[in-house]
Amino acid sequence: MSMREKVLKGVHGAAYYHGTTTVGLVCSDGVVLATDTRVTQGGFIAHKRGKKLIQIDSNIALTISGGVADAQNVVDILKYYANLYRIERNRLMPVKSAARILSNVMFSSRLYPYIADVLVGGYDSSGPSIYSVDFFGSVTMEKMTATGSGSPVAFGVLEAEYKEGMPVSKAYPLAAKAIIAAMRRNIATGDHFDIAIIDKSGFREIGEQEKEKLLSMFSSQN
């Protein structure tokens, strides 16, 4: 049974497998996006270092959860439109426009939906912002959010410690803490994590050395 069939059956109450934990935080000076790296196929761990945090342009990135093929297709579509926008208008696509394009793509396929839950985050002339787009095309603007099977655990950490307007320097360790908590408590989340910061200077990922320090720091907590 395909992932799409599992999700559609899940609408009617049948059980289905799903995985991933992603986190998005809006800060005073940028946005933070974070994901785990475990890729599951039912109860099987198909890959330990899957890439679920994707740069779209120098000012926009997204996180993906759901079916791998569907998510990759969504990423390719958004990259195409972001490149086209930059070439035609000689400026970067606004984050809200990227979210609206994804919403239109998802909604147009609602009868045979892309099984992908996407967080689109970035920095533009309006400042930092994050949008959540589900597989039927609904869009919500978020300050703090998480998706995937480990999101209830991640929300527990975020709701206790996230403060609106906090700087990126304090937000990215919090995002790591939320992902690591989900890795410890959710079987479909695990192995490692990725974190990216997007601010007025552009997109950058946290390096492996810093991630290992965060992993060591938060893995020892109860």
Protein backbone atom coordinates (compact mmCIF):
# COMPACT_ATOMS: atom_id res chain seq x y z
CA MET A 1 0.00 0.00 0.00
CA SER A 2 1.38 3.41 -0.96
CA MET A 3 1.82 6.26 1.52
CA ARG A 4 -0.93 8.16 -0.29
CA GLU A 5 -3.35 5.25 0.21
CA LYS A 6 -2.35 5.01 3.87
CA VAL A 7 -3.01 8.69 4.47
CA LEU A 8 -6.31 8.66 2.61
CA LYS A 9 -7.40 5.58 4.55
CA GLY A 10 -6.28 7.35 7.70
CA VAL A 11 -8.91 10.02 7.02
CA HIS A 12 -11.50 7.28 7.51
CA GLY A 13 -9.98 5.96 10.70
CA ALA A 14 -7.52 3.27 9.57
CA ALA A 15 -4.04 3.23 11.09
CA TYR A 16 -1.04 4.21 9.00
CA TYR A 17 2.67 4.82 9.53
CA HIS A 18 4.21 8.26 9.38
CA GLY A 19 7.40 9.86 10.60
CA THR A 20 9.56 12.99 10.85
CA THR A 21 9.74 15.98 13.16
CA THR A 22 10.25 19.51 11.83
CA VAL A 23 10.34 22.79 13.74
CA GLY A 24 9.99 26.41 12.64
CA LEU A 25 10.59 29.51 14.79
CA VAL A 26 10.20 33.19 13.89
CA CYS A 27 12.72 35.40 15.69
CA SER A 28 13.39 39.12 15.97
CA ASP A 29 16.21 38.93 13.43
CA GLY A 30 15.38 35.89 11.27
CA VAL A 31 13.84 32.44 11.20
CA VAL A 32 15.08 29.06 12.38
CA LEU A 33 14.12 25.78 10.69
CA ALA A 34 15.10 22.35 12.00
CA THR A 35 14.39 18.70 11.16
CA ASP A 36 15.51 15.23 12.11
CA THR A 37 17.16 13.05 9.42
CA ARG A 38 15.47 9.64 9.80
CA VAL A 39 13.54 8.38 6.76
CA THR A 40 11.06 5.59 7.48
CA GLN A 41 9.18 3.16 5.25
CA GLY A 42 6.48 1.81 7.50
CA GLY A 43 8.33 0.31 10.45
CA PHE A 44 11.60 0.14 8.49
CA ILE A 45 14.33 2.79 8.73
CA ALA A 46 15.10 3.38 5.05
CA HIS A 47 17.77 6.07 5.55
CA LYS A 48 19.50 7.65 8.55
CA ARG A 49 20.62 10.92 6.96
CA GLY A 50 17.74 12.04 4.77
CA LYS A 51 17.63 15.74 3.86
CA LYS A 52 14.34 17.30 4.96
CA LEU A 53 15.52 20.92 5.15
CA ILE A 54 15.91 22.36 1.66
CA GLN A 55 17.17 25.76 0.52
CA ILE A 56 14.92 27.23 -2.20
CA ASP A 57 16.74 30.53 -2.71
CA SER A 58 19.10 32.71 -0.68
CA ASN A 59 16.15 34.03 1.36
CA ILE A 60 13.77 31.02 1.50
CA ALA A 61 13.95 27.43 2.73
CA LEU A 62 11.43 24.77 3.60
CA THR A 63 11.07 21.62 5.67
CA ILE A 64 9.23 18.55 4.44
CA SER A 65 7.41 15.67 6.04
CA GLY A 66 5.31 13.00 4.36
CA GLY A 67 5.90 10.92 1.24
CA VAL A 68 9.43 11.34 -0.13
CA ALA A 69 8.54 11.42 -3.84
CA ASP A 70 5.70 13.88 -3.31
CA ALA A 71 7.87 16.13 -1.15
CA GLN A 72 10.70 16.12 -3.70
CA ASN A 73 8.25 17.07 -6.45
CA VAL A 74 6.94 19.97 -4.36
CA VAL A 75 10.52 21.17 -3.75
CA ASP A 76 11.31 21.07 -7.49
CA ILE A 77 8.16 23.03 -8.35
CA LEU A 78 8.91 25.76 -5.82
CA LYS A 79 12.56 26.03 -6.89
CA TYR A 80 11.41 26.50 -10.49
CA TYR A 81 9.03 29.33 -9.61
CA ALA A 82 11.54 31.02 -7.28
CA ASN A 83 14.17 31.01 -10.03
CA LEU A 84 11.66 32.28 -12.60
CA TYR A 85 10.56 35.09 -10.26
CA ARG A 86 14.18 36.18 -9.67
CA ILE A 87 15.02 36.15 -13.39
CA GLU A 88 11.88 38.00 -14.51
CA ARG A 89 11.77 40.62 -11.73
CA ASN A 90 15.43 40.84 -10.77
CA ARG A 91 14.63 40.37 -7.08
CA LEU A 92 14.01 37.54 -4.65
CA MET A 93 10.57 36.02 -4.24
CA PRO A 94 8.74 37.08 -1.05
CA VAL A 95 8.13 34.30 1.46
CA LYS A 96 4.36 34.80 1.33
CA SER A 97 4.40 34.36 -2.45
CA ALA A 98 6.30 31.08 -2.10
CA ALA A 99 3.71 29.83 0.40
CA ARG A 100 0.86 30.87 -1.91
CA ILE A 101 2.41 29.03 -4.86
CA LEU A 102 2.68 25.87 -2.77
CA SER A 103 -0.91 26.33 -1.61
CA ASN A 104 -2.11 26.57 -5.23
CA VAL A 105 -0.11 23.48 -6.22
CA MET A 106 -1.49 21.47 -3.31
CA PHE A 107 -5.07 22.64 -3.79
CA SER A 108 -5.04 21.92 -7.52
CA SER A 109 -4.10 18.31 -6.71
CA ARG A 110 -6.52 17.91 -3.80
CA LEU A 111 -8.43 15.00 -5.39
CA TYR A 112 -5.17 13.06 -5.66
CA PRO A 113 -3.10 14.99 -3.12
CA TYR A 114 0.60 15.38 -2.62
CA ILE A 115 1.23 13.73 0.75
CA ALA A 116 3.55 16.41 2.07
CA ASP A 117 3.32 18.78 5.03
CA VAL A 118 5.55 21.79 4.38
CA LEU A 119 6.93 24.67 6.43
CA VAL A 120 8.08 27.58 4.28
CA GLY A 121 10.30 30.09 6.05
CA GLY A 122 12.45 33.02 5.09
CA TYR A 123 13.36 36.67 5.27
CA ASP A 124 12.25 39.44 2.90
CA SER A 125 11.41 43.15 2.93
CA SER A 126 8.60 42.44 5.40
CA GLY A 127 10.97 40.70 7.80
CA PRO A 128 11.07 37.06 8.94
CA SER A 129 8.06 34.79 8.46
CA ILE A 130 7.01 31.14 8.41
CA TYR A 131 3.99 29.56 6.73
CA SER A 132 2.61 26.05 7.18
CA VAL A 133 1.06 24.45 4.08
CA ASP A 134 -0.79 21.13 4.35
CA PHE A 135 -1.51 18.62 1.58
CA PHE A 136 -4.93 20.13 0.76
CA GLY A 137 -3.44 23.62 0.30
CA SER A 138 -4.42 25.28 3.58
CA VAL A 139 -1.96 28.01 4.59
CA THR A 140 -1.37 29.37 8.09
CA MET A 141 1.15 31.96 9.18
CA GLU A 142 3.03 30.77 12.26
CA LYS A 143 5.38 32.20 14.88
CA MET A 144 6.27 28.82 16.40
CA THR A 145 5.28 25.45 14.97
CA ALA A 146 6.20 21.80 14.47
CA THR A 147 5.04 19.06 12.10
CA GLY A 148 5.34 15.29 11.85
CA SER A 149 4.80 12.36 14.17
CA GLY A 150 7.17 13.77 16.80
CA SER A 151 5.51 17.20 16.83
CA PRO A 152 3.57 16.64 20.10
CA VAL A 153 6.89 16.12 21.90
CA ALA A 154 8.49 19.08 20.12
CA PHE A 155 5.54 21.32 20.97
CA GLY A 156 5.95 20.44 24.64
CA VAL A 157 9.47 21.89 24.58
CA LEU A 158 8.64 24.87 22.38
CA GLU A 159 5.55 26.01 24.27
CA ALA A 160 7.49 25.96 27.54
CA GLU A 161 10.50 27.95 26.30
CA TYR A 162 9.73 29.87 23.09
CA LYS A 163 9.24 33.61 23.50
CA GLU A 164 8.02 35.77 20.66
CA GLY A 165 10.75 38.16 19.55
CA MET A 166 13.64 36.06 20.84
CA PRO A 167 16.87 36.35 18.81
CA VAL A 168 18.15 33.68 16.46
CA SER A 169 21.12 33.05 18.76
CA LYS A 170 18.76 31.73 21.43
CA ALA A 171 16.19 30.18 19.10
CA TYR A 172 18.37 27.71 17.23
CA PRO A 173 19.48 25.86 20.41
CA LEU A 174 15.80 25.70 21.40
CA ALA A 175 14.91 24.21 18.00
CA ALA A 176 17.66 21.63 18.49
CA LYS A 177 16.34 20.82 21.96
CA ALA A 178 12.83 20.24 20.57
CA ILE A 179 14.08 17.95 17.77
CA ILE A 180 16.33 15.99 20.14
CA ALA A 181 13.44 15.52 22.58
CA ALA A 182 11.36 14.09 19.73
CA MET A 183 14.25 11.84 18.70
CA ARG A 184 14.27 10.36 22.20
CA ARG A 185 10.50 9.89 22.49
CA ASN A 186 9.25 9.17 18.95
CA ILE A 187 10.39 6.03 17.13
CA ALA A 188 9.96 7.53 13.65
CA THR A 189 12.21 10.50 14.53
CA GLY A 190 15.91 10.03 15.01
CA ASP A 191 19.54 9.52 13.99
CA HIS A 192 20.59 13.18 13.59
CA PHE A 193 19.22 16.65 12.83
CA ASP A 194 19.70 19.69 10.58
CA ILE A 195 19.24 23.35 11.51
CA ALA A 196 19.22 26.42 9.27
CA ILE A 197 19.02 30.15 9.95
CA ILE A 198 17.66 32.63 7.42
CA ASP A 199 18.12 36.33 8.09
CA LYS A 200 19.00 39.51 6.20
CA SER A 201 22.41 37.97 5.41
CA GLY A 202 20.80 34.96 3.72
CA PHE A 203 20.62 31.22 4.33
CA ARG A 204 23.13 29.28 6.41
CA GLU A 205 23.15 25.88 8.08
CA ILE A 206 24.58 25.14 11.49
CA GLY A 207 27.80 23.14 11.14
CA GLU A 208 28.40 19.60 12.29
CA GLN A 209 30.66 20.62 15.16
CA GLU A 210 28.01 22.91 16.64
CA LYS A 211 25.30 20.27 16.13
CA GLU A 212 27.39 17.68 17.96
CA LYS A 213 27.73 20.09 20.90
CA LEU A 214 23.96 20.62 20.97
CA LEU A 215 23.33 16.88 20.71
CA SER A 216 25.68 16.20 23.60
CA MET A 217 24.14 18.98 25.68
CA PHE A 218 20.48 18.02 25.28
CA SER A 219 20.78 14.23 24.95
CA SER A 220 21.99 14.05 28.55
CA GLN A 221 18.85 15.78 29.86
CA ASN A 222 15.93 13.74 31.17
